[in-house]
């Protein structure tokens, strides 16, 4: 069975094209997966930084209140009790 030149060319080019297509597909999947992972890590780090800033500001406010109460109560001696 004789094959035409076009069939021979297609049979020679097709494996190369399929191989390149498969390699590019795998490469793009791996690259998108790593970029998604990087984006997730960056998002988690940003979220942790935001929560830590919120926590820090809340603790600073609480510390301010406790220092104010401490300074108000520093001169207080309480009632004196006399014993007979």
C-alpha atoms as a PDB file:
ATOM      1  CA  UNK A   1       0.000   0.000   0.000  1.00  0.00           C
ATOM      2  CA  UNK A   2       1.491   3.254  -1.139  1.00  0.00           C
ATOM      3  CA  UNK A   3       1.044   6.418   0.865  1.00  0.00           C
ATOM      4  CA  UNK A   4       0.983   9.829  -0.603  1.00  0.00           C
ATOM      5  CA  UNK A   5       3.521  12.453   0.306  1.00  0.00           C
ATOM      6  CA  UNK A   6       0.972  14.415   2.309  1.00  0.00           C
ATOM      7  CA  UNK A   7       0.123  11.361   4.407  1.00  0.00           C
ATOM      8  CA  UNK A   8       3.827  10.719   5.057  1.00  0.00           C
ATOM      9  CA  UNK A   9       4.334  14.341   6.097  1.00  0.00           C
ATOM     10  CA  UNK A  10       1.342  14.226   8.412  1.00  0.00           C
ATOM     11  CA  UNK A  11       2.565  11.007  10.011  1.00  0.00           C
ATOM     12  CA  UNK A  12       5.988  12.574  10.607  1.00  0.00           C
ATOM     13  CA  UNK A  13       4.732  15.925  11.881  1.00  0.00           C
ATOM     14  CA  UNK A  14       1.829  14.696  14.013  1.00  0.00           C
ATOM     15  CA  UNK A  15       3.929  13.031  16.775  1.00  0.00           C
ATOM     16  CA  UNK A  16       6.090  16.153  17.075  1.00  0.00           C
ATOM     17  CA  UNK A  17       3.062  18.421  17.311  1.00  0.00           C
ATOM     18  CA  UNK A  18       1.388  16.155  19.868  1.00  0.00           C
ATOM     19  CA  UNK A  19       4.560  15.979  21.937  1.00  0.00           C
ATOM     20  CA  UNK A  20       4.932  19.752  21.945  1.00  0.00           C
ATOM     21  CA  UNK A  21       1.256  20.158  22.827  1.00  0.00           C
ATOM     22  CA  UNK A  22       1.546  17.715  25.731  1.00  0.00           C
ATOM     23  CA  UNK A  23       4.723  19.361  27.040  1.00  0.00           C
ATOM     24  CA  UNK A  24       3.173  22.827  26.859  1.00  0.00           C
ATOM     25  CA  UNK A  25       0.022  21.625  28.590  1.00  0.00           C
ATOM     26  CA  UNK A  26       1.975  20.042  31.441  1.00  0.00           C
ATOM     27  CA  UNK A  27       4.167  23.133  31.768  1.00  0.00           C
ATOM     28  CA  UNK A  28       1.187  25.454  31.948  1.00  0.00           C
ATOM     29  CA  UNK A  29      -0.519  23.269  34.554  1.00  0.00           C
ATOM     30  CA  UNK A  30       2.600  23.206  36.721  1.00  0.00           C
ATOM     31  CA  UNK A  31       3.153  26.946  36.392  1.00  0.00           C
ATOM     32  CA  UNK A  32      -0.445  27.811  37.232  1.00  0.00           C
ATOM     33  CA  UNK A  33      -0.362  25.470  40.222  1.00  0.00           C
ATOM     34  CA  UNK A  34       2.772  27.065  41.610  1.00  0.00           C
ATOM     35  CA  UNK A  35       1.410  30.563  41.060  1.00  0.00           C
ATOM     36  CA  UNK A  36      -1.825  29.616  42.822  1.00  0.00           C
ATOM     37  CA  UNK A  37       0.187  28.235  45.735  1.00  0.00           C
ATOM     38  CA  UNK A  38       2.281  31.405  45.881  1.00  0.00           C
ATOM     39  CA  UNK A  39      -0.845  33.550  45.799  1.00  0.00           C
ATOM     40  CA  UNK A  40      -2.412  31.512  48.602  1.00  0.00           C
ATOM     41  CA  UNK A  41       0.713  31.891  50.774  1.00  0.00           C
ATOM     42  CA  UNK A  42       0.834  35.644  50.149  1.00  0.00           C
ATOM     43  CA  UNK A  43      -2.859  35.974  50.958  1.00  0.00           C
ATOM     44  CA  UNK A  44      -2.463  34.005  54.190  1.00  0.00           C
ATOM     45  CA  UNK A  45       0.539  36.118  55.205  1.00  0.00           C
ATOM     46  CA  UNK A  46      -1.362  39.333  54.513  1.00  0.00           C
ATOM     47  CA  UNK A  47      -4.363  38.093  56.483  1.00  0.00           C
ATOM     48  CA  UNK A  48      -2.134  37.132  59.428  1.00  0.00           C
ATOM     49  CA  UNK A  49      -0.487  40.561  59.345  1.00  0.00           C
ATOM     50  CA  UNK A  50      -3.899  42.263  59.382  1.00  0.00           C
ATOM     51  CA  UNK A  51      -5.093  40.150  62.309  1.00  0.00           C
ATOM     52  CA  UNK A  52      -1.886  40.788  64.238  1.00  0.00           C
ATOM     53  CA  UNK A  53      -2.233  44.543  63.681  1.00  0.00           C
ATOM     54  CA  UNK A  54      -5.821  44.422  64.931  1.00  0.00           C
ATOM     55  CA  UNK A  55      -4.764  42.391  67.963  1.00  0.00           C
ATOM     56  CA  UNK A  56      -1.884  44.768  68.685  1.00  0.00           C
ATOM     57  CA  UNK A  57      -4.116  47.842  68.542  1.00  0.00           C
ATOM     58  CA  UNK A  58      -6.703  46.194  70.813  1.00  0.00           C
ATOM     59  CA  UNK A  59      -4.034  45.207  73.332  1.00  0.00           C
ATOM     60  CA  UNK A  60      -2.585  48.735  73.258  1.00  0.00           C
ATOM     61  CA  UNK A  61      -6.018  50.160  74.038  1.00  0.00           C
ATOM     62  CA  UNK A  62      -6.518  47.672  76.882  1.00  0.00           C
ATOM     63  CA  UNK A  63      -3.061  48.473  78.275  1.00  0.00           C
ATOM     64  CA  UNK A  64      -3.881  52.174  78.167  1.00  0.00           C
ATOM     65  CA  UNK A  65      -7.074  51.598  80.163  1.00  0.00           C
ATOM     66  CA  UNK A  66      -5.281  49.455  82.729  1.00  0.00           C
ATOM     67  CA  UNK A  67      -2.508  52.057  83.159  1.00  0.00           C
ATOM     68  CA  UNK A  68      -5.116  54.777  83.617  1.00  0.00           C
ATOM     69  CA  UNK A  69      -6.917  52.735  86.262  1.00  0.00           C
ATOM     70  CA  UNK A  70      -3.623  51.972  87.957  1.00  0.00           C
ATOM     71  CA  UNK A  71      -2.656  55.628  88.157  1.00  0.00           C
ATOM     72  CA  UNK A  72      -6.128  56.524  89.480  1.00  0.00           C
ATOM     73  CA  UNK A  73      -5.933  53.874  92.189  1.00  0.00           C
ATOM     74  CA  UNK A  74      -2.295  54.486  93.177  1.00  0.00           C
ATOM     75  CA  UNK A  75      -3.242  57.131  95.742  1.00  0.00           C
ATOM     76  CA  UNK A  76      -6.215  55.238  97.129  1.00  0.00           C
ATOM     77  CA  UNK A  77      -5.570  53.737 100.541  1.00  0.00           C
ATOM     78  CA  UNK A  78      -8.961  52.388 101.346  1.00  0.00           C
ATOM     79  CA  UNK A  79     -10.901  52.714 104.578  1.00  0.00           C
ATOM     80  CA  UNK A  80      -8.950  52.615 107.802  1.00  0.00           C
ATOM     81  CA  UNK A  81     -10.105  50.075 110.293  1.00  0.00           C
ATOM     82  CA  UNK A  82      -9.739  50.809 113.971  1.00  0.00           C
ATOM     83  CA  UNK A  83      -9.596  47.992 116.416  1.00  0.00           C
ATOM     84  CA  UNK A  84     -10.717  48.459 119.951  1.00  0.00           C
END
